């Protein structure tokens, strides 16, 4: 039987994270791409010299290594559910940690928070549409364009959340919970497999393509919204306590 990579890719069409691994090859599927390691080195230098919160900075660095260097990068070529985990870590963990690490980046901007929210939502939904998603996994340029736009728009959203008052922050957070939950539900209940790039690559992992897609939707529907929901509830609680008389 043909290997998953022979089913999907020709030598010119391999995505950045490599050909989809199997259970036998995943352990050795680390990504030591020199430009990536240089970029991580620059990031580490910035943490050493400029961060205001080393804990947040090094947490973001560790998560960046997890999604770009560790075998999770390769696994995301095989499983759509792993790709969703990758995206969630990028937009819901790394982005806010970097904004927290470097408060000097939070310069005043006359950009409406509603615009930043809408921009991130549009970008997130576009990259989970079948055609853009397949293109991003099939070309190196498309892959990094997807990563950059997801990260930058997420950072813009978290910038708005941290900059504005508690009321606005709660609305932005709950709006994000709602739109991510809706996207996850649409993926879960899709009547057919949406992403041809994962055809055959899920088999070594004991999943059909539609099962992997449903798992991805569930991850986005429930665990992915927890950072936003928890932060919204914490912010709301602080807001209520401030309103209480001394």
C-alpha atoms as a PDB file:
ATOM      1  CA  UNK A   1       0.000   0.000   0.000  1.00  0.00           C
ATOM      2  CA  UNK A   2       1.268   3.456  -0.826  1.00  0.00           C
ATOM      3  CA  UNK A   3       2.512   5.604   1.999  1.00  0.00           C
ATOM      4  CA  UNK A   4       0.434   8.667   2.959  1.00  0.00           C
ATOM      5  CA  UNK A   5       3.044  11.009   1.572  1.00  0.00           C
ATOM      6  CA  UNK A   6       2.923   9.283  -1.821  1.00  0.00           C
ATOM      7  CA  UNK A   7      -0.840   9.655  -1.846  1.00  0.00           C
ATOM      8  CA  UNK A   8      -0.767  13.377  -1.269  1.00  0.00           C
ATOM      9  CA  UNK A   9       2.457  15.007  -2.320  1.00  0.00           C
ATOM     10  CA  UNK A  10       4.890  15.051  -5.153  1.00  0.00           C
ATOM     11  CA  UNK A  11       8.474  16.151  -4.348  1.00  0.00           C
ATOM     12  CA  UNK A  12       7.691  19.749  -5.337  1.00  0.00           C
ATOM     13  CA  UNK A  13       4.493  19.920  -3.259  1.00  0.00           C
ATOM     14  CA  UNK A  14       5.707  19.109   0.238  1.00  0.00           C
ATOM     15  CA  UNK A  15       4.421  21.467   2.898  1.00  0.00           C
ATOM     16  CA  UNK A  16       6.817  23.286   5.207  1.00  0.00           C
ATOM     17  CA  UNK A  17       6.449  20.885   8.141  1.00  0.00           C
ATOM     18  CA  UNK A  18       7.305  17.920   5.948  1.00  0.00           C
ATOM     19  CA  UNK A  19       5.491  14.914   4.599  1.00  0.00           C
ATOM     20  CA  UNK A  20       2.808  13.475   6.892  1.00  0.00           C
ATOM     21  CA  UNK A  21       4.463  11.183   9.453  1.00  0.00           C
ATOM     22  CA  UNK A  22       3.300   7.781  10.606  1.00  0.00           C
ATOM     23  CA  UNK A  23       3.399   6.362  14.115  1.00  0.00           C
ATOM     24  CA  UNK A  24       6.813   4.910  13.251  1.00  0.00           C
ATOM     25  CA  UNK A  25       8.383   8.146  12.004  1.00  0.00           C
ATOM     26  CA  UNK A  26       6.827  10.775  14.275  1.00  0.00           C
ATOM     27  CA  UNK A  27       9.510  10.553  16.990  1.00  0.00           C
ATOM     28  CA  UNK A  28      12.231  11.597  14.556  1.00  0.00           C
ATOM     29  CA  UNK A  29      10.161  14.280  12.845  1.00  0.00           C
ATOM     30  CA  UNK A  30      11.818  17.313  14.400  1.00  0.00           C
ATOM     31  CA  UNK A  31      12.134  20.490  12.341  1.00  0.00           C
ATOM     32  CA  UNK A  32      15.601  22.055  12.430  1.00  0.00           C
ATOM     33  CA  UNK A  33      15.129  24.470   9.549  1.00  0.00           C
ATOM     34  CA  UNK A  34      18.027  26.986   9.832  1.00  0.00           C
ATOM     35  CA  UNK A  35      15.980  30.179   9.179  1.00  0.00           C
ATOM     36  CA  UNK A  36      13.475  29.047  11.796  1.00  0.00           C
ATOM     37  CA  UNK A  37      16.220  28.414  14.370  1.00  0.00           C
ATOM     38  CA  UNK A  38      17.754  31.832  13.614  1.00  0.00           C
ATOM     39  CA  UNK A  39      14.361  33.472  14.139  1.00  0.00           C
ATOM     40  CA  UNK A  40      13.957  31.653  17.461  1.00  0.00           C
ATOM     41  CA  UNK A  41      17.450  32.785  18.427  1.00  0.00           C
ATOM     42  CA  UNK A  42      16.498  36.399  17.727  1.00  0.00           C
ATOM     43  CA  UNK A  43      13.345  35.915  19.782  1.00  0.00           C
ATOM     44  CA  UNK A  44      15.409  34.536  22.684  1.00  0.00           C
ATOM     45  CA  UNK A  45      17.755  37.539  22.440  1.00  0.00           C
ATOM     46  CA  UNK A  46      14.771  39.898  22.675  1.00  0.00           C
ATOM     47  CA  UNK A  47      13.501  38.040  25.729  1.00  0.00           C
ATOM     48  CA  UNK A  48      16.893  38.305  27.420  1.00  0.00           C
ATOM     49  CA  UNK A  49      17.209  42.015  26.760  1.00  0.00           C
ATOM     50  CA  UNK A  50      13.798  43.625  26.364  1.00  0.00           C
ATOM     51  CA  UNK A  51      11.018  41.647  28.016  1.00  0.00           C
ATOM     52  CA  UNK A  52       9.198  43.088  31.015  1.00  0.00           C
ATOM     53  CA  UNK A  53       7.872  39.655  31.968  1.00  0.00           C
ATOM     54  CA  UNK A  54      10.424  36.846  31.543  1.00  0.00           C
ATOM     55  CA  UNK A  55       7.896  34.184  32.569  1.00  0.00           C
ATOM     56  CA  UNK A  56       5.537  35.192  29.757  1.00  0.00           C
ATOM     57  CA  UNK A  57       8.418  35.597  27.319  1.00  0.00           C
ATOM     58  CA  UNK A  58       9.963  32.196  27.914  1.00  0.00           C
ATOM     59  CA  UNK A  59       6.536  30.557  27.980  1.00  0.00           C
ATOM     60  CA  UNK A  60       5.879  31.986  24.510  1.00  0.00           C
ATOM     61  CA  UNK A  61       9.330  30.782  23.387  1.00  0.00           C
ATOM     62  CA  UNK A  62       8.699  27.243  24.676  1.00  0.00           C
ATOM     63  CA  UNK A  63       5.328  27.102  22.927  1.00  0.00           C
ATOM     64  CA  UNK A  64       6.890  28.372  19.686  1.00  0.00           C
ATOM     65  CA  UNK A  65       9.426  25.537  19.864  1.00  0.00           C
ATOM     66  CA  UNK A  66       6.563  23.107  20.487  1.00  0.00           C
ATOM     67  CA  UNK A  67       4.531  24.066  17.432  1.00  0.00           C
ATOM     68  CA  UNK A  68       7.352  24.806  14.963  1.00  0.00           C
ATOM     69  CA  UNK A  69      10.280  22.568  15.975  1.00  0.00           C
ATOM     70  CA  UNK A  70       8.854  19.560  17.811  1.00  0.00           C
ATOM     71  CA  UNK A  71       7.116  16.653  16.031  1.00  0.00           C
ATOM     72  CA  UNK A  72       3.807  18.511  16.476  1.00  0.00           C
ATOM     73  CA  UNK A  73       4.791  20.529  13.393  1.00  0.00           C
ATOM     74  CA  UNK A  74       5.106  17.353  11.351  1.00  0.00           C
ATOM     75  CA  UNK A  75       1.996  15.793  12.888  1.00  0.00           C
ATOM     76  CA  UNK A  76      -0.040  18.787  11.770  1.00  0.00           C
ATOM     77  CA  UNK A  77       0.693  17.756   8.190  1.00  0.00           C
ATOM     78  CA  UNK A  78      -1.012  14.426   8.872  1.00  0.00           C
ATOM     79  CA  UNK A  79      -3.899  15.358  11.143  1.00  0.00           C
ATOM     80  CA  UNK A  80      -6.233  18.317  10.826  1.00  0.00           C
ATOM     81  CA  UNK A  81      -6.862  18.005  14.575  1.00  0.00           C
ATOM     82  CA  UNK A  82      -3.129  18.552  15.217  1.00  0.00           C
ATOM     83  CA  UNK A  83      -3.227  21.590  12.914  1.00  0.00           C
ATOM     84  CA  UNK A  84      -6.091  23.036  14.961  1.00  0.00           C
ATOM     85  CA  UNK A  85      -4.088  22.495  18.167  1.00  0.00           C
ATOM     86  CA  UNK A  86      -1.172  24.276  16.471  1.00  0.00           C
ATOM     87  CA  UNK A  87      -3.390  27.232  15.544  1.00  0.00           C
ATOM     88  CA  UNK A  88      -4.966  27.449  18.994  1.00  0.00           C
ATOM     89  CA  UNK A  89      -1.563  27.568  20.698  1.00  0.00           C
ATOM     90  CA  UNK A  90      -0.441  30.268  18.265  1.00  0.00           C
ATOM     91  CA  UNK A  91      -3.428  32.604  18.582  1.00  0.00           C
ATOM     92  CA  UNK A  92      -4.694  31.907  22.115  1.00  0.00           C
ATOM     93  CA  UNK A  93      -1.391  31.422  23.958  1.00  0.00           C
ATOM     94  CA  UNK A  94       1.686  32.683  22.101  1.00  0.00           C
ATOM     95  CA  UNK A  95       0.056  35.912  20.863  1.00  0.00           C
ATOM     96  CA  UNK A  96      -1.186  37.133  24.274  1.00  0.00           C
ATOM     97  CA  UNK A  97       2.024  36.010  26.010  1.00  0.00           C
ATOM     98  CA  UNK A  98       4.114  38.095  23.618  1.00  0.00           C
ATOM     99  CA  UNK A  99       1.857  41.126  24.083  1.00  0.00           C
ATOM    100  CA  UNK A 100       2.235  40.668  27.851  1.00  0.00           C
ATOM    101  CA  UNK A 101       5.991  40.141  27.571  1.00  0.00           C
ATOM    102  CA  UNK A 102       6.660  43.332  25.659  1.00  0.00           C
ATOM    103  CA  UNK A 103       4.262  46.018  26.914  1.00  0.00           C
ATOM    104  CA  UNK A 104       6.361  48.567  25.044  1.00  0.00           C
ATOM    105  CA  UNK A 105       4.692  47.197  21.901  1.00  0.00           C
ATOM    106  CA  UNK A 106       1.324  48.409  23.155  1.00  0.00           C
ATOM    107  CA  UNK A 107       1.668  51.894  21.713  1.00  0.00           C
ATOM    108  CA  UNK A 108      -1.552  53.896  21.319  1.00  0.00           C
ATOM    109  CA  UNK A 109      -3.262  53.090  18.043  1.00  0.00           C
ATOM    110  CA  UNK A 110      -6.395  54.714  16.696  1.00  0.00           C
ATOM    111  CA  UNK A 111      -7.786  51.425  15.433  1.00  0.00           C
ATOM    112  CA  UNK A 112     -11.292  50.493  16.603  1.00  0.00           C
ATOM    113  CA  UNK A 113     -11.358  47.331  18.671  1.00  0.00           C
ATOM    114  CA  UNK A 114     -14.316  46.089  16.615  1.00  0.00           C
ATOM    115  CA  UNK A 115     -12.149  46.269  13.491  1.00  0.00           C
ATOM    116  CA  UNK A 116      -9.348  44.256  15.121  1.00  0.00           C
ATOM    117  CA  UNK A 117     -11.882  41.658  16.264  1.00  0.00           C
ATOM    118  CA  UNK A 118     -13.503  41.423  12.826  1.00  0.00           C
ATOM    119  CA  UNK A 119     -10.139  41.228  11.057  1.00  0.00           C
ATOM    120  CA  UNK A 120      -8.967  38.322  13.197  1.00  0.00           C
ATOM    121  CA  UNK A 121     -12.289  36.520  12.783  1.00  0.00           C
ATOM    122  CA  UNK A 122     -12.194  36.894   8.995  1.00  0.00           C
ATOM    123  CA  UNK A 123      -8.600  35.651   8.796  1.00  0.00           C
ATOM    124  CA  UNK A 124      -9.358  32.681  11.066  1.00  0.00           C
ATOM    125  CA  UNK A 125     -12.380  31.653   9.013  1.00  0.00           C
ATOM    126  CA  UNK A 126     -10.573  32.103   5.693  1.00  0.00           C
ATOM    127  CA  UNK A 127      -7.722  29.795   6.718  1.00  0.00           C
ATOM    128  CA  UNK A 128     -10.198  27.106   7.733  1.00  0.00           C
ATOM    129  CA  UNK A 129     -11.962  27.188   4.380  1.00  0.00           C
ATOM    130  CA  UNK A 130     -10.890  24.160   2.297  1.00  0.00           C
ATOM    131  CA  UNK A 131      -9.138  25.867  -0.630  1.00  0.00           C
ATOM    132  CA  UNK A 132      -6.969  28.362   1.324  1.00  0.00           C
ATOM    133  CA  UNK A 133      -6.131  25.666   3.871  1.00  0.00           C
ATOM    134  CA  UNK A 134      -4.970  23.175   1.249  1.00  0.00           C
ATOM    135  CA  UNK A 135      -2.893  25.865  -0.471  1.00  0.00           C
ATOM    136  CA  UNK A 136      -1.228  26.836   2.822  1.00  0.00           C
ATOM    137  CA  UNK A 137      -0.194  23.248   3.521  1.00  0.00           C
ATOM    138  CA  UNK A 138       1.030  22.681  -0.028  1.00  0.00           C
ATOM    139  CA  UNK A 139       3.467  25.595  -0.325  1.00  0.00           C
ATOM    140  CA  UNK A 140       6.118  27.018   1.978  1.00  0.00           C
ATOM    141  CA  UNK A 141       5.103  30.580   1.197  1.00  0.00           C
ATOM    142  CA  UNK A 142       1.454  29.809   1.852  1.00  0.00           C
ATOM    143  CA  UNK A 143       2.310  28.119   5.132  1.00  0.00           C
ATOM    144  CA  UNK A 144       4.192  31.116   6.510  1.00  0.00           C
ATOM    145  CA  UNK A 145       1.610  33.553   5.173  1.00  0.00           C
ATOM    146  CA  UNK A 146      -1.025  31.621   7.104  1.00  0.00           C
ATOM    147  CA  UNK A 147       1.086  31.651  10.289  1.00  0.00           C
ATOM    148  CA  UNK A 148       1.897  35.356   9.982  1.00  0.00           C
ATOM    149  CA  UNK A 149      -1.658  36.521   9.361  1.00  0.00           C
ATOM    150  CA  UNK A 150      -3.102  34.348  12.128  1.00  0.00           C
ATOM    151  CA  UNK A 151      -0.499  35.557  14.618  1.00  0.00           C
ATOM    152  CA  UNK A 152      -0.584  39.242  13.707  1.00  0.00           C
ATOM    153  CA  UNK A 153      -4.365  39.517  13.734  1.00  0.00           C
ATOM    154  CA  UNK A 154      -4.528  37.551  17.004  1.00  0.00           C
ATOM    155  CA  UNK A 155      -1.897  39.861  18.499  1.00  0.00           C
ATOM    156  CA  UNK A 156      -3.997  42.834  17.366  1.00  0.00           C
ATOM    157  CA  UNK A 157      -7.049  41.375  19.068  1.00  0.00           C
ATOM    158  CA  UNK A 158      -5.163  40.721  22.322  1.00  0.00           C
ATOM    159  CA  UNK A 159      -3.696  44.220  22.103  1.00  0.00           C
ATOM    160  CA  UNK A 160      -7.251  45.576  22.068  1.00  0.00           C
ATOM    161  CA  UNK A 161      -8.256  43.296  24.938  1.00  0.00           C
ATOM    162  CA  UNK A 162      -5.355  44.459  27.125  1.00  0.00           C
ATOM    163  CA  UNK A 163      -5.600  48.132  26.160  1.00  0.00           C
ATOM    164  CA  UNK A 164      -9.299  48.817  26.584  1.00  0.00           C
ATOM    165  CA  UNK A 165     -11.531  48.887  29.631  1.00  0.00           C
ATOM    166  CA  UNK A 166     -12.935  45.770  31.197  1.00  0.00           C
ATOM    167  CA  UNK A 167     -16.337  46.109  29.527  1.00  0.00           C
ATOM    168  CA  UNK A 168     -14.864  46.255  26.022  1.00  0.00           C
ATOM    169  CA  UNK A 169     -12.421  43.458  26.817  1.00  0.00           C
ATOM    170  CA  UNK A 170     -15.221  41.171  27.986  1.00  0.00           C
ATOM    171  CA  UNK A 171     -17.227  41.819  24.805  1.00  0.00           C
ATOM    172  CA  UNK A 172     -14.187  41.069  22.632  1.00  0.00           C
ATOM    173  CA  UNK A 173     -13.437  37.872  24.535  1.00  0.00           C
ATOM    174  CA  UNK A 174     -17.011  36.589  24.498  1.00  0.00           C
ATOM    175  CA  UNK A 175     -17.344  37.524  20.821  1.00  0.00           C
ATOM    176  CA  UNK A 176     -14.255  35.417  20.123  1.00  0.00           C
ATOM    177  CA  UNK A 177     -15.726  32.538  22.126  1.00  0.00           C
ATOM    178  CA  UNK A 178     -18.917  32.724  20.057  1.00  0.00           C
ATOM    179  CA  UNK A 179     -17.291  32.871  16.640  1.00  0.00           C
ATOM    180  CA  UNK A 180     -14.746  30.116  17.386  1.00  0.00           C
ATOM    181  CA  UNK A 181     -17.513  27.943  18.807  1.00  0.00           C
ATOM    182  CA  UNK A 182     -19.585  28.452  15.664  1.00  0.00           C
ATOM    183  CA  UNK A 183     -16.639  27.621  13.398  1.00  0.00           C
ATOM    184  CA  UNK A 184     -15.923  24.502  15.431  1.00  0.00           C
ATOM    185  CA  UNK A 185     -19.564  23.405  15.248  1.00  0.00           C
ATOM    186  CA  UNK A 186     -19.643  23.843  11.469  1.00  0.00           C
ATOM    187  CA  UNK A 187     -16.549  21.663  11.151  1.00  0.00           C
ATOM    188  CA  UNK A 188     -17.943  18.997  13.499  1.00  0.00           C
ATOM    189  CA  UNK A 189     -21.253  18.717  11.666  1.00  0.00           C
ATOM    190  CA  UNK A 190     -19.917  18.991   8.120  1.00  0.00           C
ATOM    191  CA  UNK A 191     -21.489  16.096   6.172  1.00  0.00           C
ATOM    192  CA  UNK A 192     -18.238  15.213   4.379  1.00  0.00           C
ATOM    193  CA  UNK A 193     -14.479  15.555   4.670  1.00  0.00           C
ATOM    194  CA  UNK A 194     -13.503  19.106   3.741  1.00  0.00           C
ATOM    195  CA  UNK A 195      -9.721  19.021   3.452  1.00  0.00           C
ATOM    196  CA  UNK A 196      -8.377  16.860   0.633  1.00  0.00           C
ATOM    197  CA  UNK A 197      -4.798  17.426   1.771  1.00  0.00           C
ATOM    198  CA  UNK A 198      -5.431  15.020   4.675  1.00  0.00           C
ATOM    199  CA  UNK A 199      -6.843  12.224   2.530  1.00  0.00           C
ATOM    200  CA  UNK A 200      -5.098   9.039   3.634  1.00  0.00           C
ATOM    201  CA  UNK A 201      -2.772  10.677   6.157  1.00  0.00           C
ATOM    202  CA  UNK A 202      -5.030   9.949   9.127  1.00  0.00           C
ATOM    203  CA  UNK A 203      -5.088   6.168   8.601  1.00  0.00           C
ATOM    204  CA  UNK A 204      -1.794   5.402  10.421  1.00  0.00           C
ATOM    205  CA  UNK A 205      -3.245   7.202  13.439  1.00  0.00           C
ATOM    206  CA  UNK A 206      -6.351   5.044  13.637  1.00  0.00           C
ATOM    207  CA  UNK A 207      -8.698   7.758  12.403  1.00  0.00           C
ATOM    208  CA  UNK A 208     -10.752   8.195   9.285  1.00  0.00           C
ATOM    209  CA  UNK A 209     -10.539  11.592   7.654  1.00  0.00           C
ATOM    210  CA  UNK A 210     -14.012  12.581   8.844  1.00  0.00           C
ATOM    211  CA  UNK A 211     -13.241  11.419  12.412  1.00  0.00           C
ATOM    212  CA  UNK A 212     -10.097  13.530  12.461  1.00  0.00           C
ATOM    213  CA  UNK A 213     -12.097  16.491  11.158  1.00  0.00           C
ATOM    214  CA  UNK A 214     -14.757  16.015  13.831  1.00  0.00           C
ATOM    215  CA  UNK A 215     -12.072  15.828  16.523  1.00  0.00           C
ATOM    216  CA  UNK A 216     -10.595  19.073  15.195  1.00  0.00           C
ATOM    217  CA  UNK A 217     -13.991  20.752  15.336  1.00  0.00           C
ATOM    218  CA  UNK A 218     -14.517  19.587  18.911  1.00  0.00           C
ATOM    219  CA  UNK A 219     -11.114  20.982  19.907  1.00  0.00           C
ATOM    220  CA  UNK A 220     -12.031  24.353  18.430  1.00  0.00           C
ATOM    221  CA  UNK A 221     -15.554  24.205  19.828  1.00  0.00           C
ATOM    222  CA  UNK A 222     -14.568  23.477  23.435  1.00  0.00           C
ATOM    223  CA  UNK A 223     -10.902  23.526  24.591  1.00  0.00           C
ATOM    224  CA  UNK A 224      -9.872  26.295  22.201  1.00  0.00           C
ATOM    225  CA  UNK A 225     -12.320  28.783  23.674  1.00  0.00           C
ATOM    226  CA  UNK A 226     -11.280  28.172  27.278  1.00  0.00           C
ATOM    227  CA  UNK A 227      -8.450  30.787  27.380  1.00  0.00           C
ATOM    228  CA  UNK A 228     -10.860  33.462  26.136  1.00  0.00           C
ATOM    229  CA  UNK A 229     -13.730  32.331  28.350  1.00  0.00           C
ATOM    230  CA  UNK A 230     -11.600  32.068  31.515  1.00  0.00           C
ATOM    231  CA  UNK A 231     -10.037  35.472  30.903  1.00  0.00           C
ATOM    232  CA  UNK A 232     -13.489  36.953  30.273  1.00  0.00           C
ATOM    233  CA  UNK A 233     -14.846  35.483  33.505  1.00  0.00           C
ATOM    234  CA  UNK A 234     -11.801  36.683  35.474  1.00  0.00           C
ATOM    235  CA  UNK A 235     -12.098  40.163  33.997  1.00  0.00           C
ATOM    236  CA  UNK A 236     -15.828  40.208  34.723  1.00  0.00           C
ATOM    237  CA  UNK A 237     -15.271  39.157  38.322  1.00  0.00           C
ATOM    238  CA  UNK A 238     -12.690  41.920  38.802  1.00  0.00           C
ATOM    239  CA  UNK A 239     -15.126  44.391  37.250  1.00  0.00           C
ATOM    240  CA  UNK A 240     -17.894  43.365  39.666  1.00  0.00           C
ATOM    241  CA  UNK A 241     -15.588  43.615  42.660  1.00  0.00           C
ATOM    242  CA  UNK A 242     -14.565  47.130  41.650  1.00  0.00           C
ATOM    243  CA  UNK A 243     -18.232  48.155  41.624  1.00  0.00           C
ATOM    244  CA  UNK A 244     -18.829  46.929  45.158  1.00  0.00           C
ATOM    245  CA  UNK A 245     -18.761  49.613  47.881  1.00  0.00           C
ATOM    246  CA  UNK A 246     -15.786  49.586  50.197  1.00  0.00           C
END
